[in-house]
Amino acid sequence: MTDTRAATAPQPSIGLALRSLLTADLQVMLRARQTFVLNLFVPLLILVVTSFAGSQQQGAAASQSRVALLGSAGFEIAMAITFGLIASALMGYSVTIARDREAGVFQRLRVAPVPTWAIMMSRLLVQFAAAVVTTIVVIVVGSIIHHVVFSAGAYLLIFAVAIFGAAMFLGIGQAIAGLIRSTTAVNAVGRVIYVVLILTGVLGSTGVLGHALQTVSNWSPVGALIIVFTGVLDLSSWSWAQTGAVLACAGYLVVFAGVGIRWFQWEAD
């Protein structure tokens, strides 16, 4: 009796598949002009604007006014990093996910010998890498502009908080892409949420809009992350406010990521 067995092609290893996905996703990100604008131009613009505003104020009273309005140099650097993270997640990542879904990219990838989790893991790793690059550039430029020097431990903590914040905002972006299928709608909703979070998180945290909104702002995703950033830049001032901000960010991450994973659709129809 002849043993006839169908020859099966060897399956690629998980590592090889993930490397291929990472290479492709990284190339797409580097070719996109929007990546530079969202990840680098926006936070650097914030640094320049805050520095220019400070240089226009002279004297002790003006200096105190600037601190009351914008906060310390650490606050301004934290704000710039946060701007870059949230812009990349809400107006970059979520829109890219929705656009690739409409174009059928996910459908083609799902029939390939690649685990489903690897498809999203590749995109998230690229986003985390972009967050690290953004943080490095902002810290270097911010330190030069504001003439501040942080310790090595502070730099490591800033990177850790940046990854944490990127995960939280990517969770929000994933939830938007999961609940909304249309690329146009995802883009519009992402921009609206971006503006709302920035206004409540940044303007609210300065106290310009009143004490009540400042309290609400401190518990918003943007406000909480800025509090964590400023906390790690001055560990001696760490208090329940910073601990509560960490817990708030963790809660946002779990809730929004859970929603985005649970209701995410791989197909546009």
Foldseek 3Di string as FASTA:
>chain_A
DDDDDDDDDDFDDQVVVLVVLLVVLLVVLVPDPVNCCLLAVQLVVLLVVLLVCLVVFDDDVSNVVSCLQQNALLLSLLLSLLSSLLSCQQQNVLLVLLVCQAVCVLVVVVVGSHDPVSNVVSNLVSSLVSSLVSSVVSVVVSCVSRVDDADPQLSVQLSVLSSLLSLLSNLLSLLLSLVDNHSVVSNVVSVVVSVVLSCLQRRLCSCPVHDVSVVVNCLGSNNLSSLLSVCSRPVVPDDVSNVVSSVSSVVSSVVSNVNSVVRHDSHSD
